[in-house]
Amino acid sequence: VYSAMQADVRAWAHGCPVFFITLANGGRGYLVPGPAYDEDLYAMWQSPFARGSWEKCRDTLEEEIAQLMGELEGS
């Protein structure tokens, strides 16, 4: 995923450490932020993922982190 995903999720997590591990040379393609679909970028035109996939991934990550943070706070 683009580094913007890391920046968005880390900002949302309010200081909670968040680590990203990405694949290289074997992934399915880039997850591209929606606005990039309006530009002629390699990452956009080679991606098999539809517009909105990046945002859905980010939102899902934030939901999962929120659930984990809630479980950690309750222990």
N, C-alpha and C. Protein backbone atom coordinates (compact mmCIF):
# COMPACT_ATOMS: atom_id res chain seq x y z
N VAL A 1 0.84 -1.19 0.00
CA VAL A 1 0.00 0.00 0.00
C VAL A 1 0.88 1.24 0.00
N TYR A 2 0.34 2.31 -0.48
CA TYR A 2 1.06 3.57 -0.48
C TYR A 2 1.39 3.98 0.95
N SER A 3 2.47 4.74 1.12
CA SER A 3 2.85 5.19 2.45
C SER A 3 1.80 6.10 3.07
N ALA A 4 0.94 6.69 2.24
CA ALA A 4 -0.14 7.51 2.77
C ALA A 4 -1.05 6.70 3.68
N MET A 5 -1.20 5.41 3.41
CA MET A 5 -2.01 4.55 4.27
C MET A 5 -1.39 4.51 5.66
N GLN A 6 -0.08 4.34 5.72
CA GLN A 6 0.60 4.29 7.01
C GLN A 6 0.42 5.60 7.76
N ALA A 7 0.56 6.71 7.07
CA ALA A 7 0.42 8.02 7.71
C ALA A 7 -1.01 8.21 8.22
N ASP A 8 -2.00 7.85 7.42
CA ASP A 8 -3.40 8.00 7.83
C ASP A 8 -3.71 7.15 9.06
N VAL A 9 -3.31 5.89 9.02
CA VAL A 9 -3.64 4.98 10.13
C VAL A 9 -2.87 5.38 11.39
N ARG A 10 -1.62 5.76 11.25
CA ARG A 10 -0.86 6.18 12.43
C ARG A 10 -1.45 7.44 13.05
N ALA A 11 -1.88 8.38 12.23
CA ALA A 11 -2.50 9.60 12.76
C ALA A 11 -3.81 9.25 13.47
N TRP A 12 -4.57 8.36 12.91
CA TRP A 12 -5.83 7.94 13.50
C TRP A 12 -5.60 7.22 14.83
N ALA A 13 -4.51 6.45 14.95
CA ALA A 13 -4.23 5.64 16.14
C ALA A 13 -3.72 6.45 17.32
N HIS A 14 -3.53 7.75 17.16
CA HIS A 14 -3.17 8.65 18.26
C HIS A 14 -1.99 8.15 19.09
N GLY A 15 -0.88 7.87 18.44
CA GLY A 15 0.32 7.50 19.17
C GLY A 15 0.48 6.02 19.46
N CYS A 16 -0.53 5.22 19.21
CA CYS A 16 -0.40 3.78 19.39
C CYS A 16 0.55 3.27 18.30
N PRO A 17 1.55 2.49 18.65
CA PRO A 17 2.48 2.00 17.62
C PRO A 17 1.76 1.13 16.59
N VAL A 18 1.96 1.44 15.33
CA VAL A 18 1.38 0.67 14.24
C VAL A 18 2.51 0.33 13.28
N PHE A 19 2.66 -0.95 12.98
CA PHE A 19 3.70 -1.41 12.08
C PHE A 19 3.08 -1.93 10.80
N PHE A 20 3.68 -1.61 9.68
CA PHE A 20 3.22 -2.10 8.38
C PHE A 20 4.30 -2.98 7.78
N ILE A 21 3.89 -4.08 7.26
CA ILE A 21 4.79 -4.97 6.51
C ILE A 21 4.17 -5.14 5.14
N THR A 22 4.90 -4.80 4.11
CA THR A 22 4.36 -4.90 2.76
C THR A 22 5.11 -5.97 1.98
N LEU A 23 4.50 -6.43 0.93
CA LEU A 23 5.11 -7.42 0.06
C LEU A 23 5.84 -6.72 -1.07
N ALA A 24 6.90 -7.34 -1.52
CA ALA A 24 7.60 -6.84 -2.70
C ALA A 24 7.84 -8.02 -3.62
N ASN A 25 7.75 -7.77 -4.90
CA ASN A 25 8.01 -8.81 -5.90
C ASN A 25 7.18 -10.07 -5.66
N GLY A 26 5.91 -9.91 -5.63
CA GLY A 26 5.06 -11.07 -5.44
C GLY A 26 3.65 -10.69 -5.05
N GLY A 27 3.44 -9.40 -4.86
CA GLY A 27 2.11 -8.94 -4.54
C GLY A 27 1.22 -8.95 -5.77
N ARG A 28 -0.02 -8.63 -5.59
CA ARG A 28 -0.99 -8.62 -6.69
C ARG A 28 -1.01 -7.28 -7.42
N GLY A 29 -0.52 -6.24 -6.80
CA GLY A 29 -0.55 -4.92 -7.42
C GLY A 29 -0.65 -3.87 -6.33
N TYR A 30 -0.61 -2.64 -6.74
CA TYR A 30 -0.67 -1.53 -5.80
C TYR A 30 -2.09 -1.26 -5.34
N LEU A 31 -2.22 -0.91 -4.06
CA LEU A 31 -3.46 -0.32 -3.57
C LEU A 31 -3.24 1.18 -3.68
N VAL A 32 -4.07 1.82 -4.45
CA VAL A 32 -3.85 3.22 -4.80
C VAL A 32 -4.93 4.10 -4.18
N PRO A 33 -4.56 5.21 -3.54
CA PRO A 33 -5.57 6.14 -3.03
C PRO A 33 -6.48 6.64 -4.16
N GLY A 34 -7.73 6.84 -3.85
CA GLY A 34 -8.73 7.23 -4.85
C GLY A 34 -8.31 8.36 -5.78
N PRO A 35 -7.76 9.48 -5.28
CA PRO A 35 -7.39 10.58 -6.17
C PRO A 35 -6.36 10.19 -7.23
N ALA A 36 -5.57 9.16 -6.99
CA ALA A 36 -4.56 8.74 -7.97
C ALA A 36 -5.20 8.17 -9.22
N TYR A 37 -6.46 7.73 -9.14
CA TYR A 37 -7.13 7.19 -10.32
C TYR A 37 -7.41 8.27 -11.36
N ASP A 38 -7.28 9.52 -10.97
CA ASP A 38 -7.48 10.64 -11.90
C ASP A 38 -6.18 11.05 -12.58
N GLU A 39 -5.08 10.37 -12.24
CA GLU A 39 -3.78 10.71 -12.81
C GLU A 39 -3.26 9.54 -13.64
N ASP A 40 -2.32 9.82 -14.49
CA ASP A 40 -1.71 8.78 -15.31
C ASP A 40 -0.46 8.28 -14.59
N LEU A 41 -0.66 7.41 -13.61
CA LEU A 41 0.43 6.87 -12.81
C LEU A 41 0.55 5.37 -13.03
N TYR A 42 1.77 4.90 -13.09
CA TYR A 42 2.00 3.46 -13.24
C TYR A 42 1.26 2.65 -12.20
N ALA A 43 1.36 3.07 -10.94
CA ALA A 43 0.73 2.31 -9.85
C ALA A 43 -0.78 2.20 -10.05
N MET A 44 -1.38 3.20 -10.64
CA MET A 44 -2.82 3.18 -10.86
C MET A 44 -3.19 2.29 -12.03
N TRP A 45 -2.56 2.46 -13.18
CA TRP A 45 -3.01 1.72 -14.35
C TRP A 45 -2.62 0.26 -14.33
N GLN A 46 -1.66 -0.14 -13.52
CA GLN A 46 -1.33 -1.56 -13.45
C GLN A 46 -2.09 -2.28 -12.33
N SER A 47 -2.75 -1.53 -11.47
CA SER A 47 -3.42 -2.12 -10.31
C SER A 47 -4.70 -2.87 -10.71
N PRO A 48 -4.88 -4.08 -10.17
CA PRO A 48 -6.13 -4.80 -10.44
C PRO A 48 -7.26 -4.36 -9.50
N PHE A 49 -6.95 -3.47 -8.56
CA PHE A 49 -7.93 -3.07 -7.55
C PHE A 49 -8.72 -1.84 -8.01
N ALA A 50 -10.00 -1.85 -7.74
CA ALA A 50 -10.88 -0.76 -8.14
C ALA A 50 -10.70 0.47 -7.25
N ARG A 51 -11.11 1.61 -7.79
CA ARG A 51 -11.13 2.84 -7.00
C ARG A 51 -11.94 2.56 -5.73
N GLY A 52 -11.44 3.01 -4.61
CA GLY A 52 -12.11 2.81 -3.33
C GLY A 52 -11.52 1.66 -2.52
N SER A 53 -10.72 0.81 -3.15
CA SER A 53 -10.13 -0.33 -2.44
C SER A 53 -9.16 0.13 -1.35
N TRP A 54 -8.37 1.17 -1.66
CA TRP A 54 -7.42 1.70 -0.68
C TRP A 54 -8.17 2.20 0.55
N GLU A 55 -9.25 2.95 0.32
CA GLU A 55 -10.03 3.51 1.42
C GLU A 55 -10.71 2.41 2.23
N LYS A 56 -11.20 1.38 1.55
CA LYS A 56 -11.83 0.26 2.26
C LYS A 56 -10.80 -0.47 3.12
N CYS A 57 -9.61 -0.66 2.59
CA CYS A 57 -8.54 -1.30 3.36
C CYS A 57 -8.18 -0.46 4.58
N ARG A 58 -8.02 0.84 4.40
CA ARG A 58 -7.71 1.73 5.52
C ARG A 58 -8.80 1.69 6.59
N ASP A 59 -10.05 1.77 6.15
CA ASP A 59 -11.16 1.76 7.10
C ASP A 59 -11.21 0.43 7.87
N THR A 60 -10.97 -0.67 7.18
CA THR A 60 -10.96 -1.98 7.83
C THR A 60 -9.82 -2.09 8.84
N LEU A 61 -8.64 -1.58 8.46
CA LEU A 61 -7.51 -1.57 9.39
C LEU A 61 -7.84 -0.79 10.65
N GLU A 62 -8.46 0.37 10.47
CA GLU A 62 -8.80 1.20 11.63
C GLU A 62 -9.84 0.50 12.52
N GLU A 63 -10.80 -0.19 11.92
CA GLU A 63 -11.79 -0.93 12.70
C GLU A 63 -11.13 -2.05 13.49
N GLU A 64 -10.23 -2.77 12.86
CA GLU A 64 -9.54 -3.88 13.53
C GLU A 64 -8.63 -3.37 14.65
N ILE A 65 -7.94 -2.28 14.40
CA ILE A 65 -7.08 -1.70 15.43
C ILE A 65 -7.93 -1.22 16.61
N ALA A 66 -9.06 -0.59 16.32
CA ALA A 66 -9.96 -0.12 17.38
C ALA A 66 -10.41 -1.29 18.24
N GLN A 67 -10.73 -2.40 17.60
CA GLN A 67 -11.16 -3.58 18.35
C GLN A 67 -10.00 -4.11 19.21
N LEU A 68 -8.81 -4.18 18.65
CA LEU A 68 -7.65 -4.65 19.41
C LEU A 68 -7.34 -3.70 20.56
N MET A 69 -7.41 -2.41 20.31
CA MET A 69 -7.13 -1.43 21.37
C MET A 69 -8.15 -1.57 22.50
N GLY A 70 -9.40 -1.82 22.14
CA GLY A 70 -10.43 -2.01 23.16
C GLY A 70 -10.18 -3.26 23.99
N GLU A 71 -9.72 -4.32 23.32
CA GLU A 71 -9.41 -5.56 24.03
C GLU A 71 -8.22 -5.37 24.94
N LEU A 72 -7.22 -4.60 24.50
CA LEU A 72 -6.03 -4.37 25.33
C LEU A 72 -6.37 -3.51 26.53
N GLU A 73 -7.21 -2.49 26.34
CA GLU A 73 -7.59 -1.62 27.45
C GLU A 73 -8.40 -2.37 28.50
N GLY A 74 -9.15 -3.38 28.07
CA GLY A 74 -9.98 -4.14 29.00
C GLY A 74 -9.24 -5.22 29.76
N SER A 75 -7.99 -5.47 29.41
CA SER A 75 -7.25 -6.55 30.11
C SER A 75 -6.46 -6.06 31.29
